[in-house]
Structures are given as C-alpha cells and as structure tokens.
Amino acid sequence: MKDYTRGDTIWCKATFRDEDDLLIDPSSIWGAIYDSSSTVVNSFTGMTKVSTGQYKYAWQSSRGSASGVAAFEANGTAGAKVYVRREILFKLV
C-alpha cells in the first residue's frame, strides 16, 4: 500500500474483466473514494481509458482529508451486467 500526503493528486486505476477473465470496456463507469470510516469523500462518473479494460482516474485529495487507509471503487456496465472493482488503494498521511 502506498502512502500519500494529504493534498496530493492520486491516480486510481481499475481493470475490468468479464466472467471469462477477458478484458472488457464498460459502456459506462462510475465510482467513489471512501475514507477509513467508509464515508464517501468523492464520487465520479467516467474514467480515462488507458487500453482495453484498463482505466484511470485522478483524485485531488485535500489537505483537510482525514488520514488513514482509503478505498477506491469503480463500477462499470457492460451489456446488462454491472462489474465492480474495489480495492484498498492508498493511505493518507
């Protein structure tokens, strides 16, 4: 787990795969960043596509952000299915 200083820009990454473990591009993506008490501190729609199935999102933390472990969650819709990717991503210090 990587440590970031409050106020840093944090690049959040998500990989979307189907049930056959093949990389997929969702037709829509949304998600959130949670603080250590599971409170949403940022929600978003859309991410930047890096390559098939690979996406990134830049979150600008604030100097007033709570310190501790934070989680990043990205959700994507492909066809009639919703794919969820949640990871413990970083620690704000």
PDB file of N, CA and C in Angstrom:
ATOM      1  N   MET A   1       0.849  -1.172   0.000  1.00  0.00           N
ATOM      2  CA  MET A   1       0.000   0.000   0.000  1.00  0.00           C
ATOM      3  C   MET A   1       0.895   1.237   0.000  1.00  0.00           C
ATOM      4  N   LYS A   2       0.557   2.174  -0.842  1.00  0.00           N
ATOM      5  CA  LYS A   2       1.368   3.371  -0.973  1.00  0.00           C
ATOM      6  C   LYS A   2       0.828   4.491  -0.077  1.00  0.00           C
ATOM      7  N   ASP A   3       1.744   5.234   0.529  1.00  0.00           N
ATOM      8  CA  ASP A   3       1.373   6.397   1.342  1.00  0.00           C
ATOM      9  C   ASP A   3       1.378   7.649   0.477  1.00  0.00           C
ATOM     10  N   TYR A   4       0.370   8.502   0.683  1.00  0.00           N
ATOM     11  CA  TYR A   4       0.289   9.797   0.020  1.00  0.00           C
ATOM     12  C   TYR A   4       0.102  10.874   1.071  1.00  0.00           C
ATOM     13  N   THR A   5       0.623  12.034   0.799  1.00  0.00           N
ATOM     14  CA  THR A   5       0.413  13.182   1.675  1.00  0.00           C
ATOM     15  C   THR A   5      -0.928  13.818   1.324  1.00  0.00           C
ATOM     16  N   ARG A   6      -1.687  14.186   2.346  1.00  0.00           N
ATOM     17  CA  ARG A   6      -2.958  14.861   2.094  1.00  0.00           C
ATOM     18  C   ARG A   6      -2.702  16.092   1.236  1.00  0.00           C
ATOM     19  N   GLY A   7      -3.483  16.259   0.184  1.00  0.00           N
ATOM     20  CA  GLY A   7      -3.306  17.333  -0.780  1.00  0.00           C
ATOM     21  C   GLY A   7      -2.722  16.846  -2.102  1.00  0.00           C
ATOM     22  N   ASP A   8      -2.199  15.610  -2.119  1.00  0.00           N
ATOM     23  CA  ASP A   8      -1.635  15.039  -3.346  1.00  0.00           C
ATOM     24  C   ASP A   8      -2.734  14.668  -4.341  1.00  0.00           C
ATOM     25  N   THR A   9      -2.364  14.638  -5.630  1.00  0.00           N
ATOM     26  CA  THR A   9      -3.217  14.036  -6.653  1.00  0.00           C
ATOM     27  C   THR A   9      -2.912  12.541  -6.663  1.00  0.00           C
ATOM     28  N   ILE A  10      -3.953  11.734  -6.594  1.00  0.00           N
ATOM     29  CA  ILE A  10      -3.799  10.283  -6.511  1.00  0.00           C
ATOM     30  C   ILE A  10      -4.431   9.656  -7.748  1.00  0.00           C
ATOM     31  N   TRP A  11      -3.644   8.881  -8.479  1.00  0.00           N
ATOM     32  CA  TRP A  11      -4.158   8.204  -9.661  1.00  0.00           C
ATOM     33  C   TRP A  11      -4.733   6.858  -9.253  1.00  0.00           C
ATOM     34  N   CYS A  12      -6.039   6.697  -9.449  1.00  0.00           N
ATOM     35  CA  CYS A  12      -6.742   5.460  -9.125  1.00  0.00           C
ATOM     36  C   CYS A  12      -6.893   4.660 -10.418  1.00  0.00           C
ATOM     37  N   LYS A  13      -6.609   3.376 -10.358  1.00  0.00           N
ATOM     38  CA  LYS A  13      -6.651   2.530 -11.555  1.00  0.00           C
ATOM     39  C   LYS A  13      -7.619   1.381 -11.368  1.00  0.00           C
ATOM     40  N   ALA A  14      -8.299   1.020 -12.453  1.00  0.00           N
ATOM     41  CA  ALA A  14      -9.246  -0.099 -12.412  1.00  0.00           C
ATOM     42  C   ALA A  14      -9.074  -0.943 -13.670  1.00  0.00           C
ATOM     43  N   THR A  15      -9.191  -2.242 -13.502  1.00  0.00           N
ATOM     44  CA  THR A  15      -9.162  -3.185 -14.608  1.00  0.00           C
ATOM     45  C   THR A  15     -10.491  -3.925 -14.618  1.00  0.00           C
ATOM     46  N   PHE A  16     -11.163  -3.920 -15.754  1.00  0.00           N
ATOM     47  CA  PHE A  16     -12.457  -4.590 -15.883  1.00  0.00           C
ATOM     48  C   PHE A  16     -12.309  -5.853 -16.710  1.00  0.00           C
ATOM     49  N   ARG A  17     -12.794  -6.964 -16.135  1.00  0.00           N
ATOM     50  CA  ARG A  17     -12.763  -8.269 -16.799  1.00  0.00           C
ATOM     51  C   ARG A  17     -14.137  -8.918 -16.693  1.00  0.00           C
ATOM     52  N   ASP A  18     -14.479  -9.708 -17.687  1.00  0.00           N
ATOM     53  CA  ASP A  18     -15.747 -10.428 -17.637  1.00  0.00           C
ATOM     54  C   ASP A  18     -15.571 -11.742 -16.868  1.00  0.00           C
ATOM     55  N   GLU A  19     -16.635 -12.533 -16.841  1.00  0.00           N
ATOM     56  CA  GLU A  19     -16.588 -13.782 -16.070  1.00  0.00           C
ATOM     57  C   GLU A  19     -15.627 -14.811 -16.666  1.00  0.00           C
ATOM     58  N   ASP A  20     -15.197 -14.609 -17.914  1.00  0.00           N
ATOM     59  CA  ASP A  20     -14.190 -15.479 -18.531  1.00  0.00           C
ATOM     60  C   ASP A  20     -12.779 -14.916 -18.388  1.00  0.00           C
ATOM     61  N   ASP A  21     -12.648 -13.858 -17.581  1.00  0.00           N
ATOM     62  CA  ASP A  21     -11.375 -13.197 -17.291  1.00  0.00           C
ATOM     63  C   ASP A  21     -10.800 -12.435 -18.490  1.00  0.00           C
ATOM     64  N   LEU A  22     -11.660 -12.092 -19.450  1.00  0.00           N
ATOM     65  CA  LEU A  22     -11.234 -11.307 -20.608  1.00  0.00           C
ATOM     66  C   LEU A  22     -11.421  -9.827 -20.309  1.00  0.00           C
ATOM     67  N   LEU A  23     -10.481  -9.004 -20.744  1.00  0.00           N
ATOM     68  CA  LEU A  23     -10.593  -7.561 -20.550  1.00  0.00           C
ATOM     69  C   LEU A  23     -11.788  -7.028 -21.338  1.00  0.00           C
ATOM     70  N   ILE A  24     -12.556  -6.144 -20.717  1.00  0.00           N
ATOM     71  CA  ILE A  24     -13.733  -5.559 -21.360  1.00  0.00           C
ATOM     72  C   ILE A  24     -13.741  -4.051 -21.146  1.00  0.00           C
ATOM     73  N   ASP A  25     -14.426  -3.355 -22.054  1.00  0.00           N
ATOM     74  CA  ASP A  25     -14.626  -1.919 -21.928  1.00  0.00           C
ATOM     75  C   ASP A  25     -16.084  -1.661 -21.567  1.00  0.00           C
ATOM     76  N   PRO A  26     -16.342  -1.230 -20.334  1.00  0.00           N
ATOM     77  CA  PRO A  26     -17.712  -0.913 -19.947  1.00  0.00           C
ATOM     78  C   PRO A  26     -18.261   0.251 -20.778  1.00  0.00           C
ATOM     79  N   SER A  27     -19.573   0.267 -20.964  1.00  0.00           N
ATOM     80  CA  SER A  27     -20.202   1.375 -21.680  1.00  0.00           C
ATOM     81  C   SER A  27     -20.381   2.588 -20.776  1.00  0.00           C
ATOM     82  N   SER A  28     -20.429   2.365 -19.486  1.00  0.00           N
ATOM     83  CA  SER A  28     -20.461   3.474 -18.522  1.00  0.00           C
ATOM     84  C   SER A  28     -19.693   3.068 -17.276  1.00  0.00           C
ATOM     85  N   ILE A  29     -19.059   4.057 -16.657  1.00  0.00           N
ATOM     86  CA  ILE A  29     -18.256   3.818 -15.455  1.00  0.00           C
ATOM     87  C   ILE A  29     -18.591   4.886 -14.431  1.00  0.00           C
ATOM     88  N   TRP A  30     -18.711   4.483 -13.180  1.00  0.00           N
ATOM     89  CA  TRP A  30     -18.910   5.409 -12.072  1.00  0.00           C
ATOM     90  C   TRP A  30     -18.248   4.816 -10.844  1.00  0.00           C
ATOM     91  N   GLY A  31     -18.040   5.640  -9.846  1.00  0.00           N
ATOM     92  CA  GLY A  31     -17.387   5.105  -8.658  1.00  0.00           C
ATOM     93  C   GLY A  31     -17.259   6.116  -7.549  1.00  0.00           C
ATOM     94  N   ALA A  32     -16.469   5.743  -6.550  1.00  0.00           N
ATOM     95  CA  ALA A  32     -16.313   6.582  -5.357  1.00  0.00           C
ATOM     96  C   ALA A  32     -14.995   6.283  -4.665  1.00  0.00           C
ATOM     97  N   ILE A  33     -14.602   7.245  -3.839  1.00  0.00           N
ATOM     98  CA  ILE A  33     -13.461   7.091  -2.949  1.00  0.00           C
ATOM     99  C   ILE A  33     -14.016   7.181  -1.533  1.00  0.00           C
ATOM    100  N   TYR A  34     -13.615   6.231  -0.691  1.00  0.00           N
ATOM    101  CA  TYR A  34     -14.099   6.139   0.682  1.00  0.00           C
ATOM    102  C   TYR A  34     -12.956   6.400   1.650  1.00  0.00           C
ATOM    103  N   ASP A  35     -13.266   7.080   2.748  1.00  0.00           N
ATOM    104  CA  ASP A  35     -12.245   7.268   3.773  1.00  0.00           C
ATOM    105  C   ASP A  35     -12.223   6.056   4.697  1.00  0.00           C
ATOM    106  N   SER A  36     -11.424   6.115   5.731  1.00  0.00           N
ATOM    107  CA  SER A  36     -11.240   4.954   6.617  1.00  0.00           C
ATOM    108  C   SER A  36     -12.493   4.575   7.397  1.00  0.00           C
ATOM    109  N   SER A  37     -13.492   5.469   7.458  1.00  0.00           N
ATOM    110  CA  SER A  37     -14.747   5.128   8.142  1.00  0.00           C
ATOM    111  C   SER A  37     -15.831   4.741   7.135  1.00  0.00           C
ATOM    112  N   SER A  38     -15.437   4.458   5.878  1.00  0.00           N
ATOM    113  CA  SER A  38     -16.341   4.051   4.789  1.00  0.00           C
ATOM    114  C   SER A  38     -17.310   5.148   4.356  1.00  0.00           C
ATOM    115  N   THR A  39     -16.949   6.387   4.610  1.00  0.00           N
ATOM    116  CA  THR A  39     -17.743   7.530   4.162  1.00  0.00           C
ATOM    117  C   THR A  39     -17.248   7.938   2.772  1.00  0.00           C
ATOM    118  N   VAL A  40     -18.179   8.181   1.849  1.00  0.00           N
ATOM    119  CA  VAL A  40     -17.800   8.629   0.508  1.00  0.00           C
ATOM    120  C   VAL A  40     -17.251  10.048   0.604  1.00  0.00           C
ATOM    121  N   VAL A  41     -16.029  10.231   0.138  1.00  0.00           N
ATOM    122  CA  VAL A  41     -15.414  11.565   0.136  1.00  0.00           C
ATOM    123  C   VAL A  41     -15.354  12.150  -1.265  1.00  0.00           C
ATOM    124  N   ASN A  42     -15.578  11.310  -2.283  1.00  0.00           N
ATOM    125  CA  ASN A  42     -15.609  11.772  -3.666  1.00  0.00           C
ATOM    126  C   ASN A  42     -16.332  10.731  -4.496  1.00  0.00           C
ATOM    127  N   SER A  43     -17.242  11.178  -5.355  1.00  0.00           N
ATOM    128  CA  SER A  43     -17.871  10.267  -6.307  1.00  0.00           C
ATOM    129  C   SER A  43     -17.630  10.824  -7.705  1.00  0.00           C
ATOM    130  N   PHE A  44     -17.657   9.955  -8.693  1.00  0.00           N
ATOM    131  CA  PHE A  44     -17.332  10.380 -10.052  1.00  0.00           C
ATOM    132  C   PHE A  44     -18.061   9.529 -11.077  1.00  0.00           C
ATOM    133  N   THR A  45     -18.150  10.051 -12.276  1.00  0.00           N
ATOM    134  CA  THR A  45     -18.609   9.293 -13.436  1.00  0.00           C
ATOM    135  C   THR A  45     -17.525   9.417 -14.497  1.00  0.00           C
ATOM    136  N   GLY A  46     -17.247   8.319 -15.137  1.00  0.00           N
ATOM    137  CA  GLY A  46     -16.242   8.306 -16.187  1.00  0.00           C
ATOM    138  C   GLY A  46     -14.827   8.185 -15.657  1.00  0.00           C
ATOM    139  N   MET A  47     -13.992   7.530 -16.442  1.00  0.00           N
ATOM    140  CA  MET A  47     -12.569   7.391 -16.165  1.00  0.00           C
ATOM    141  C   MET A  47     -11.850   7.492 -17.503  1.00  0.00           C
ATOM    142  N   THR A  48     -10.570   7.753 -17.469  1.00  0.00           N
ATOM    143  CA  THR A  48      -9.762   7.823 -18.680  1.00  0.00           C
ATOM    144  C   THR A  48      -9.340   6.418 -19.096  1.00  0.00           C
ATOM    145  N   LYS A  49      -9.622   6.068 -20.352  1.00  0.00           N
ATOM    146  CA  LYS A  49      -9.225   4.750 -20.851  1.00  0.00           C
ATOM    147  C   LYS A  49      -7.736   4.756 -21.166  1.00  0.00           C
ATOM    148  N   VAL A  50      -7.024   3.762 -20.643  1.00  0.00           N
ATOM    149  CA  VAL A  50      -5.598   3.594 -20.901  1.00  0.00           C
ATOM    150  C   VAL A  50      -5.411   2.600 -22.052  1.00  0.00           C
ATOM    151  N   SER A  51      -6.130   1.488 -21.969  1.00  0.00           N
ATOM    152  CA  SER A  51      -6.150   0.458 -23.013  1.00  0.00           C
ATOM    153  C   SER A  51      -7.385  -0.399 -22.745  1.00  0.00           C
ATOM    154  N   THR A  52      -7.619  -1.412 -23.563  1.00  0.00           N
ATOM    155  CA  THR A  52      -8.799  -2.252 -23.369  1.00  0.00           C
ATOM    156  C   THR A  52      -8.871  -2.753 -21.925  1.00  0.00           C
ATOM    157  N   GLY A  53      -9.974  -2.442 -21.260  1.00  0.00           N
ATOM    158  CA  GLY A  53     -10.204  -2.893 -19.893  1.00  0.00           C
ATOM    159  C   GLY A  53      -9.447  -2.147 -18.817  1.00  0.00           C
ATOM    160  N   GLN A  54      -8.544  -1.251 -19.178  1.00  0.00           N
ATOM    161  CA  GLN A  54      -7.700  -0.533 -18.220  1.00  0.00           C
ATOM    162  C   GLN A  54      -8.105   0.949 -18.189  1.00  0.00           C
ATOM    163  N   TYR A  55      -8.418   1.451 -16.994  1.00  0.00           N
ATOM    164  CA  TYR A  55      -8.876   2.829 -16.828  1.00  0.00           C
ATOM    165  C   TYR A  55      -8.186   3.484 -15.646  1.00  0.00           C
ATOM    166  N   LYS A  56      -8.137   4.829 -15.676  1.00  0.00           N
ATOM    167  CA  LYS A  56      -7.549   5.563 -14.551  1.00  0.00           C
ATOM    168  C   LYS A  56      -8.372   6.808 -14.266  1.00  0.00           C
ATOM    169  N   TYR A  57      -8.259   7.274 -13.018  1.00  0.00           N
ATOM    170  CA  TYR A  57      -8.987   8.456 -12.557  1.00  0.00           C
ATOM    171  C   TYR A  57      -8.078   9.230 -11.606  1.00  0.00           C
ATOM    172  N   ALA A  58      -7.977  10.531 -11.803  1.00  0.00           N
ATOM    173  CA  ALA A  58      -7.150  11.369 -10.924  1.00  0.00           C
ATOM    174  C   ALA A  58      -8.034  11.998  -9.857  1.00  0.00           C
ATOM    175  N   TRP A  59      -7.711  11.709  -8.598  1.00  0.00           N
ATOM    176  CA  TRP A  59      -8.433  12.318  -7.480  1.00  0.00           C
ATOM    177  C   TRP A  59      -7.496  13.270  -6.755  1.00  0.00           C
ATOM    178  N   GLN A  60      -7.944  14.497  -6.629  1.00  0.00           N
ATOM    179  CA  GLN A  60      -7.180  15.510  -5.899  1.00  0.00           C
ATOM    180  C   GLN A  60      -7.639  15.488  -4.446  1.00  0.00           C
ATOM    181  N   SER A  61      -6.841  14.900  -3.579  1.00  0.00           N
ATOM    182  CA  SER A  61      -7.187  14.894  -2.151  1.00  0.00           C
ATOM    183  C   SER A  61      -6.991  16.309  -1.616  1.00  0.00           C
ATOM    184  N   SER A  62      -7.612  16.583  -0.508  1.00  0.00           N
ATOM    185  CA  SER A  62      -7.440  17.919   0.079  1.00  0.00           C
ATOM    186  C   SER A  62      -6.557  17.818   1.318  1.00  0.00           C
ATOM    187  N   ARG A  63      -5.978  18.929   1.679  1.00  0.00           N
ATOM    188  CA  ARG A  63      -5.144  18.947   2.888  1.00  0.00           C
ATOM    189  C   ARG A  63      -5.974  18.644   4.129  1.00  0.00           C
ATOM    190  N   GLY A  64      -7.292  18.863   4.021  1.00  0.00           N
ATOM    191  CA  GLY A  64      -8.187  18.585   5.140  1.00  0.00           C
ATOM    192  C   GLY A  64      -8.737  17.169   5.152  1.00  0.00           C
ATOM    193  N   SER A  65      -8.330  16.334   4.173  1.00  0.00           N
ATOM    194  CA  SER A  65      -8.782  14.941   4.133  1.00  0.00           C
ATOM    195  C   SER A  65      -8.358  14.212   5.401  1.00  0.00           C
ATOM    196  N   ALA A  66      -9.204  13.297   5.859  1.00  0.00           N
ATOM    197  CA  ALA A  66      -8.864  12.500   7.034  1.00  0.00           C
ATOM    198  C   ALA A  66      -7.687  11.590   6.706  1.00  0.00           C
ATOM    199  N   SER A  67      -6.782  11.424   7.636  1.00  0.00           N
ATOM    200  CA  SER A  67      -5.674  10.498   7.424  1.00  0.00           C
ATOM    201  C   SER A  67      -6.161   9.073   7.655  1.00  0.00           C
ATOM    202  N   GLY A  68      -5.458   8.122   7.111  1.00  0.00           N
ATOM    203  CA  GLY A  68      -5.810   6.714   7.268  1.00  0.00           C
ATOM    204  C   GLY A  68      -5.942   6.025   5.925  1.00  0.00           C
ATOM    205  N   VAL A  69      -6.335   4.765   5.978  1.00  0.00           N
ATOM    206  CA  VAL A  69      -6.479   3.952   4.772  1.00  0.00           C
ATOM    207  C   VAL A  69      -7.756   4.365   4.045  1.00  0.00           C
ATOM    208  N   ALA A  70      -7.660   4.514   2.725  1.00  0.00           N
ATOM    209  CA  ALA A  70      -8.807   4.880   1.903  1.00  0.00           C
ATOM    210  C   ALA A  70      -9.017   3.807   0.840  1.00  0.00           C
ATOM    211  N   ALA A  71     -10.223   3.722   0.340  1.00  0.00           N
ATOM    212  CA  ALA A  71     -10.559   2.726  -0.681  1.00  0.00           C
ATOM    213  C   ALA A  71     -11.101   3.418  -1.915  1.00  0.00           C
ATOM    214  N   PHE A  72     -10.838   2.807  -3.058  1.00  0.00           N
ATOM    215  CA  PHE A  72     -11.318   3.278  -4.348  1.00  0.00           C
ATOM    216  C   PHE A  72     -12.211   2.195  -4.928  1.00  0.00           C
ATOM    217  N   GLU A  73     -13.382   2.584  -5.430  1.00  0.00           N
ATOM    218  CA  GLU A  73     -14.300   1.633  -6.043  1.00  0.00           C
ATOM    219  C   GLU A  73     -14.706   2.148  -7.410  1.00  0.00           C
ATOM    220  N   ALA A  74     -14.613   1.293  -8.419  1.00  0.00           N
ATOM    221  CA  ALA A  74     -15.069   1.633  -9.765  1.00  0.00           C
ATOM    222  C   ALA A  74     -16.092   0.592 -10.195  1.00  0.00           C
ATOM    223  N   ASN A  75     -17.171   1.058 -10.789  1.00  0.00           N
ATOM    224  CA  ASN A  75     -18.238   0.189 -11.282  1.00  0.00           C
ATOM    225  C   ASN A  75     -18.393   0.429 -12.766  1.00  0.00           C
ATOM    226  N   GLY A  76     -18.608  -0.625 -13.525  1.00  0.00           N
ATOM    227  CA  GLY A  76     -18.797  -0.477 -14.959  1.00  0.00           C
ATOM    228  C   GLY A  76     -19.938  -1.331 -15.447  1.00  0.00           C
ATOM    229  N   THR A  77     -20.702  -0.809 -16.396  1.00  0.00           N
ATOM    230  CA  THR A  77     -21.795  -1.552 -17.005  1.00  0.00           C
ATOM    231  C   THR A  77     -21.362  -2.027 -18.382  1.00  0.00           C
ATOM    232  N   ALA A  78     -21.525  -3.315 -18.633  1.00  0.00           N
ATOM    233  CA  ALA A  78     -21.258  -3.896 -19.950  1.00  0.00           C
ATOM    234  C   ALA A  78     -22.439  -4.800 -20.266  1.00  0.00           C
ATOM    235  N   GLY A  79     -23.195  -4.426 -21.272  1.00  0.00           N
ATOM    236  CA  GLY A  79     -24.429  -5.163 -21.562  1.00  0.00           C
ATOM    237  C   GLY A  79     -25.386  -4.977 -20.394  1.00  0.00           C
ATOM    238  N   ALA A  80     -25.930  -6.063 -19.892  1.00  0.00           N
ATOM    239  CA  ALA A  80     -26.870  -5.995 -18.770  1.00  0.00           C
ATOM    240  C   ALA A  80     -26.180  -6.245 -17.431  1.00  0.00           C
ATOM    241  N   LYS A  81     -24.871  -6.358 -17.426  1.00  0.00           N
ATOM    242  CA  LYS A  81     -24.148  -6.690 -16.197  1.00  0.00           C
ATOM    243  C   LYS A  81     -23.390  -5.490 -15.647  1.00  0.00           C
ATOM    244  N   VAL A  82     -23.301  -5.460 -14.330  1.00  0.00           N
ATOM    245  CA  VAL A  82     -22.508  -4.445 -13.647  1.00  0.00           C
ATOM    246  C   VAL A  82     -21.293  -5.136 -13.039  1.00  0.00           C
ATOM    247  N   TYR A  83     -20.126  -4.595 -13.320  1.00  0.00           N
ATOM    248  CA  TYR A  83     -18.878  -5.132 -12.793  1.00  0.00           C
ATOM    249  C   TYR A  83     -18.335  -4.154 -11.764  1.00  0.00           C
ATOM    250  N   VAL A  84     -17.983  -4.652 -10.599  1.00  0.00           N
ATOM    251  CA  VAL A  84     -17.492  -3.809  -9.512  1.00  0.00           C
ATOM    252  C   VAL A  84     -16.042  -4.166  -9.213  1.00  0.00           C
ATOM    253  N   ARG A  85     -15.216  -3.142  -9.104  1.00  0.00           N
ATOM    254  CA  ARG A  85     -13.820  -3.322  -8.742  1.00  0.00           C
ATOM    255  C   ARG A  85     -13.550  -2.452  -7.526  1.00  0.00           C
ATOM    256  N   ARG A  86     -13.275  -3.054  -6.403  1.00  0.00           N
ATOM    257  CA  ARG A  86     -12.994  -2.290  -5.188  1.00  0.00           C
ATOM    258  C   ARG A  86     -11.646  -2.717  -4.640  1.00  0.00           C
ATOM    259  N   GLU A  87     -10.842  -1.740  -4.333  1.00  0.00           N
ATOM    260  CA  GLU A  87      -9.509  -2.032  -3.813  1.00  0.00           C
ATOM    261  C   GLU A  87      -9.171  -1.070  -2.683  1.00  0.00           C
ATOM    262  N   ILE A  88      -8.426  -1.571  -1.700  1.00  0.00           N
ATOM    263  CA  ILE A  88      -7.757  -0.656  -0.781  1.00  0.00           C
ATOM    264  C   ILE A  88      -6.602  -0.097  -1.594  1.00  0.00           C
ATOM    265  N   LEU A  89      -6.573   1.180  -1.739  1.00  0.00           N
ATOM    266  CA  LEU A  89      -5.661   1.749  -2.704  1.00  0.00           C
ATOM    267  C   LEU A  89      -4.493   2.506  -2.084  1.00  0.00           C
ATOM    268  N   PHE A  90      -4.734   3.222  -1.028  1.00  0.00           N
ATOM    269  CA  PHE A  90      -3.687   4.113  -0.536  1.00  0.00           C
ATOM    270  C   PHE A  90      -3.942   4.477   0.920  1.00  0.00           C
ATOM    271  N   LYS A  91      -2.940   5.100   1.495  1.00  0.00           N
ATOM    272  CA  LYS A  91      -3.030   5.596   2.865  1.00  0.00           C
ATOM    273  C   LYS A  91      -2.683   7.084   2.838  1.00  0.00           C
ATOM    274  N   LEU A  92      -3.579   7.895   3.396  1.00  0.00           N
ATOM    275  CA  LEU A  92      -3.316   9.330   3.501  1.00  0.00           C
ATOM    276  C   LEU A  92      -2.645   9.614   4.818  1.00  0.00           C
ATOM    277  N   VAL A  93      -1.519  10.310   4.758  1.00  0.00           N
ATOM    278  CA  VAL A  93      -0.769  10.635   5.980  1.00  0.00           C
ATOM    279  C   VAL A  93      -0.592  12.128   6.104  1.00  0.00           C
TER     280      VAL A  93
END
